[in-house]
């Protein structure tokens, strides 16, 4: 399992355990799974999709950054209203 934290300037959008995270990277969409290599990347406009035990969830974003390190995924994003 991954620990995911999605933060926007207004609030913490989500914090918890997830099975996977799909993000809109500047070079195209990519998925982060358990034991992913360390990574820092910018994010383009699109959506972040993450899967929890309750199902899939989606957050529309205007851009931001993602950091992956030791099964911890941190996103700092601007959320599309």
N, C-alpha and C. Protein backbone atom coordinates (compact mmCIF):
# COMPACT_ATOMS: atom_id res chain seq x y z
N UNK A 1 0.84 -1.20 0.00
CA UNK A 1 0.00 0.00 0.00
C UNK A 1 0.88 1.26 0.00
N UNK A 2 0.31 2.30 -0.56
CA UNK A 2 0.97 3.60 -0.61
C UNK A 2 0.29 4.55 0.37
N UNK A 3 1.05 5.46 0.91
CA UNK A 3 0.50 6.55 1.70
C UNK A 3 0.40 7.76 0.77
N UNK A 4 -0.81 8.28 0.58
CA UNK A 4 -1.02 9.40 -0.33
C UNK A 4 -1.49 10.62 0.44
N UNK A 5 -0.89 11.77 0.09
CA UNK A 5 -1.35 13.04 0.64
C UNK A 5 -1.48 14.02 -0.52
N UNK A 6 -2.69 14.55 -0.71
CA UNK A 6 -2.96 15.53 -1.75
C UNK A 6 -3.28 16.85 -1.06
N UNK A 7 -2.44 17.86 -1.32
CA UNK A 7 -2.58 19.15 -0.67
C UNK A 7 -2.80 20.23 -1.72
N UNK A 8 -3.78 21.10 -1.48
CA UNK A 8 -4.01 22.28 -2.33
C UNK A 8 -3.78 23.51 -1.45
N UNK A 9 -3.71 24.70 -2.05
CA UNK A 9 -3.54 25.90 -1.22
C UNK A 9 -4.66 26.09 -0.19
N UNK A 10 -5.85 25.57 -0.48
CA UNK A 10 -6.99 25.76 0.40
C UNK A 10 -7.07 24.76 1.55
N UNK A 11 -6.68 23.47 1.28
CA UNK A 11 -6.88 22.44 2.30
C UNK A 11 -6.15 21.15 1.91
N UNK A 12 -6.20 20.19 2.81
CA UNK A 12 -5.74 18.84 2.49
C UNK A 12 -6.91 18.14 1.80
N UNK A 13 -6.74 17.81 0.53
CA UNK A 13 -7.81 17.20 -0.26
C UNK A 13 -8.03 15.72 0.11
N UNK A 14 -6.92 15.02 0.39
CA UNK A 14 -7.01 13.60 0.76
C UNK A 14 -5.73 13.20 1.48
N UNK A 15 -5.89 12.32 2.47
CA UNK A 15 -4.73 11.73 3.15
C UNK A 15 -5.12 10.33 3.60
N UNK A 16 -4.36 9.33 3.14
CA UNK A 16 -4.67 7.96 3.54
C UNK A 16 -3.96 6.93 2.68
N UNK A 17 -4.33 5.65 2.90
CA UNK A 17 -3.73 4.54 2.17
C UNK A 17 -4.44 4.32 0.85
N UNK A 18 -3.65 4.09 -0.20
CA UNK A 18 -4.19 3.82 -1.52
C UNK A 18 -3.42 2.66 -2.15
N UNK A 19 -4.03 2.06 -3.18
CA UNK A 19 -3.38 0.97 -3.89
C UNK A 19 -2.58 1.47 -5.08
N UNK A 20 -3.02 2.57 -5.69
CA UNK A 20 -2.33 3.14 -6.85
C UNK A 20 -2.73 4.60 -7.02
N UNK A 21 -1.89 5.34 -7.77
CA UNK A 21 -2.17 6.76 -8.05
C UNK A 21 -1.84 7.00 -9.52
N UNK A 22 -2.78 7.58 -10.25
CA UNK A 22 -2.58 7.95 -11.66
C UNK A 22 -2.52 9.47 -11.73
N UNK A 23 -1.42 10.01 -12.31
CA UNK A 23 -1.24 11.46 -12.35
C UNK A 23 -0.94 11.94 -13.77
N UNK A 24 -1.28 13.21 -14.08
CA UNK A 24 -1.01 13.78 -15.41
C UNK A 24 0.36 14.47 -15.46
N UNK A 25 1.41 13.70 -15.69
CA UNK A 25 2.75 14.27 -15.80
C UNK A 25 2.89 15.13 -17.04
N UNK A 26 3.91 15.97 -17.07
CA UNK A 26 4.12 16.86 -18.22
C UNK A 26 4.52 16.08 -19.47
N UNK A 27 5.05 14.87 -19.31
CA UNK A 27 5.40 14.01 -20.45
C UNK A 27 4.31 12.98 -20.72
N UNK A 28 3.18 13.08 -20.05
CA UNK A 28 2.08 12.15 -20.21
C UNK A 28 1.66 11.54 -18.88
N UNK A 29 0.54 10.89 -18.91
CA UNK A 29 -0.03 10.29 -17.70
C UNK A 29 0.83 9.10 -17.25
N UNK A 30 1.01 8.94 -15.94
CA UNK A 30 1.72 7.76 -15.43
C UNK A 30 1.12 7.31 -14.11
N UNK A 31 1.35 6.04 -13.81
CA UNK A 31 0.77 5.42 -12.61
C UNK A 31 1.87 5.12 -11.61
N UNK A 32 1.56 5.35 -10.34
CA UNK A 32 2.48 5.07 -9.25
C UNK A 32 1.91 3.89 -8.47
N UNK A 33 2.72 2.85 -8.34
CA UNK A 33 2.33 1.64 -7.61
C UNK A 33 3.29 1.43 -6.45
N UNK A 34 3.00 0.43 -5.62
CA UNK A 34 3.84 0.09 -4.49
C UNK A 34 5.29 -0.13 -4.93
N UNK A 35 6.26 0.34 -4.14
CA UNK A 35 7.69 0.20 -4.39
C UNK A 35 8.16 0.94 -5.65
N UNK A 36 7.48 2.03 -6.01
CA UNK A 36 7.90 2.86 -7.14
C UNK A 36 9.24 3.52 -6.82
N UNK A 37 10.05 3.73 -7.84
CA UNK A 37 11.33 4.41 -7.66
C UNK A 37 11.10 5.85 -7.18
N UNK A 38 12.06 6.40 -6.42
CA UNK A 38 11.94 7.80 -5.98
C UNK A 38 11.79 8.72 -7.19
N UNK A 39 10.96 9.76 -7.04
CA UNK A 39 10.61 10.60 -8.18
C UNK A 39 10.12 11.96 -7.71
N UNK A 40 10.48 12.99 -8.48
CA UNK A 40 9.87 14.32 -8.33
C UNK A 40 9.51 14.76 -9.73
N UNK A 41 8.26 15.20 -9.95
CA UNK A 41 7.81 15.58 -11.29
C UNK A 41 6.78 16.69 -11.21
N UNK A 42 6.72 17.49 -12.27
CA UNK A 42 5.65 18.48 -12.38
C UNK A 42 4.42 17.81 -12.97
N UNK A 43 3.26 18.38 -12.68
CA UNK A 43 2.00 17.85 -13.18
C UNK A 43 1.31 18.89 -14.04
N UNK A 44 0.67 18.42 -15.10
CA UNK A 44 -0.10 19.28 -15.99
C UNK A 44 -1.57 19.27 -15.59
N UNK A 45 -2.35 20.05 -16.31
CA UNK A 45 -3.80 20.06 -16.14
C UNK A 45 -4.33 18.67 -16.49
N UNK A 46 -5.26 18.19 -15.70
CA UNK A 46 -5.84 16.87 -15.93
C UNK A 46 -6.52 16.38 -14.67
N UNK A 47 -6.35 15.08 -14.38
CA UNK A 47 -6.96 14.54 -13.16
C UNK A 47 -6.00 13.58 -12.47
N UNK A 48 -6.16 13.53 -11.15
CA UNK A 48 -5.46 12.55 -10.33
C UNK A 48 -6.50 11.51 -9.96
N UNK A 49 -6.18 10.24 -10.19
CA UNK A 49 -7.09 9.16 -9.85
C UNK A 49 -6.38 8.23 -8.89
N UNK A 50 -7.04 7.89 -7.78
CA UNK A 50 -6.43 6.98 -6.81
C UNK A 50 -7.45 5.94 -6.37
N UNK A 51 -6.95 4.76 -6.09
CA UNK A 51 -7.81 3.65 -5.69
C UNK A 51 -7.65 3.31 -4.23
N UNK A 52 -8.76 3.33 -3.51
CA UNK A 52 -8.78 2.92 -2.11
C UNK A 52 -9.61 1.64 -2.00
N UNK A 53 -9.74 1.12 -0.80
CA UNK A 53 -10.57 -0.07 -0.59
C UNK A 53 -12.03 0.21 -0.91
N UNK A 54 -12.44 1.49 -0.81
CA UNK A 54 -13.82 1.88 -1.10
C UNK A 54 -14.08 2.05 -2.59
N UNK A 55 -13.02 2.13 -3.40
CA UNK A 55 -13.19 2.31 -4.85
C UNK A 55 -12.25 3.37 -5.39
N UNK A 56 -12.52 3.79 -6.62
CA UNK A 56 -11.67 4.80 -7.28
C UNK A 56 -12.22 6.20 -7.02
N UNK A 57 -11.29 7.14 -6.87
CA UNK A 57 -11.63 8.54 -6.61
C UNK A 57 -10.85 9.40 -7.59
N UNK A 58 -11.39 10.58 -7.89
CA UNK A 58 -10.78 11.44 -8.89
C UNK A 58 -10.80 12.89 -8.43
N UNK A 59 -9.68 13.60 -8.67
CA UNK A 59 -9.57 15.02 -8.36
C UNK A 59 -9.09 15.73 -9.63
N UNK A 60 -9.86 16.68 -10.14
CA UNK A 60 -9.45 17.46 -11.31
C UNK A 60 -8.49 18.55 -10.86
N UNK A 61 -7.34 18.67 -11.57
CA UNK A 61 -6.33 19.64 -11.17
C UNK A 61 -5.94 20.53 -12.35
N UNK A 62 -5.37 21.69 -12.01
CA UNK A 62 -4.85 22.61 -13.01
C UNK A 62 -3.34 22.49 -13.16
N UNK A 63 -2.69 21.76 -12.27
CA UNK A 63 -1.24 21.56 -12.29
C UNK A 63 -0.71 21.37 -10.89
N UNK A 64 0.60 21.12 -10.80
CA UNK A 64 1.21 20.95 -9.49
C UNK A 64 2.48 20.13 -9.56
N UNK A 65 2.80 19.47 -8.44
CA UNK A 65 4.01 18.66 -8.31
C UNK A 65 3.67 17.36 -7.60
N UNK A 66 4.48 16.32 -7.89
CA UNK A 66 4.35 15.05 -7.19
C UNK A 66 5.74 14.62 -6.73
N UNK A 67 5.80 14.05 -5.52
CA UNK A 67 7.03 13.46 -5.00
C UNK A 67 6.70 12.06 -4.51
N UNK A 68 7.55 11.11 -4.89
CA UNK A 68 7.41 9.72 -4.45
C UNK A 68 8.69 9.32 -3.74
N UNK A 69 8.54 8.77 -2.54
CA UNK A 69 9.70 8.31 -1.79
C UNK A 69 9.27 7.27 -0.77
N UNK A 70 9.81 6.06 -0.88
CA UNK A 70 9.55 4.97 0.07
C UNK A 70 8.06 4.74 0.30
N UNK A 71 7.30 4.58 -0.78
CA UNK A 71 5.86 4.31 -0.74
C UNK A 71 5.03 5.45 -0.13
N UNK A 72 5.59 6.65 -0.11
CA UNK A 72 4.86 7.84 0.29
C UNK A 72 4.75 8.75 -0.93
N UNK A 73 3.52 9.08 -1.31
CA UNK A 73 3.27 9.92 -2.48
C UNK A 73 2.67 11.24 -1.98
N UNK A 74 3.37 12.34 -2.29
CA UNK A 74 2.90 13.66 -1.87
C UNK A 74 2.60 14.50 -3.11
N UNK A 75 1.40 15.04 -3.18
CA UNK A 75 1.00 15.90 -4.28
C UNK A 75 0.66 17.28 -3.76
N UNK A 76 1.23 18.30 -4.40
CA UNK A 76 0.88 19.69 -4.13
C UNK A 76 0.25 20.18 -5.41
N UNK A 77 -1.05 20.44 -5.39
CA UNK A 77 -1.78 20.72 -6.62
C UNK A 77 -2.70 21.92 -6.48
N UNK A 78 -3.05 22.49 -7.64
CA UNK A 78 -4.10 23.49 -7.71
C UNK A 78 -5.34 22.78 -8.22
N UNK A 79 -6.38 22.73 -7.41
CA UNK A 79 -7.59 22.00 -7.73
C UNK A 79 -8.50 22.84 -8.62
N UNK A 80 -9.05 22.20 -9.66
CA UNK A 80 -9.99 22.85 -10.56
C UNK A 80 -11.33 22.93 -9.87
N UNK A 81 -11.90 24.12 -9.81
CA UNK A 81 -13.21 24.29 -9.13
C UNK A 81 -14.35 24.04 -10.07
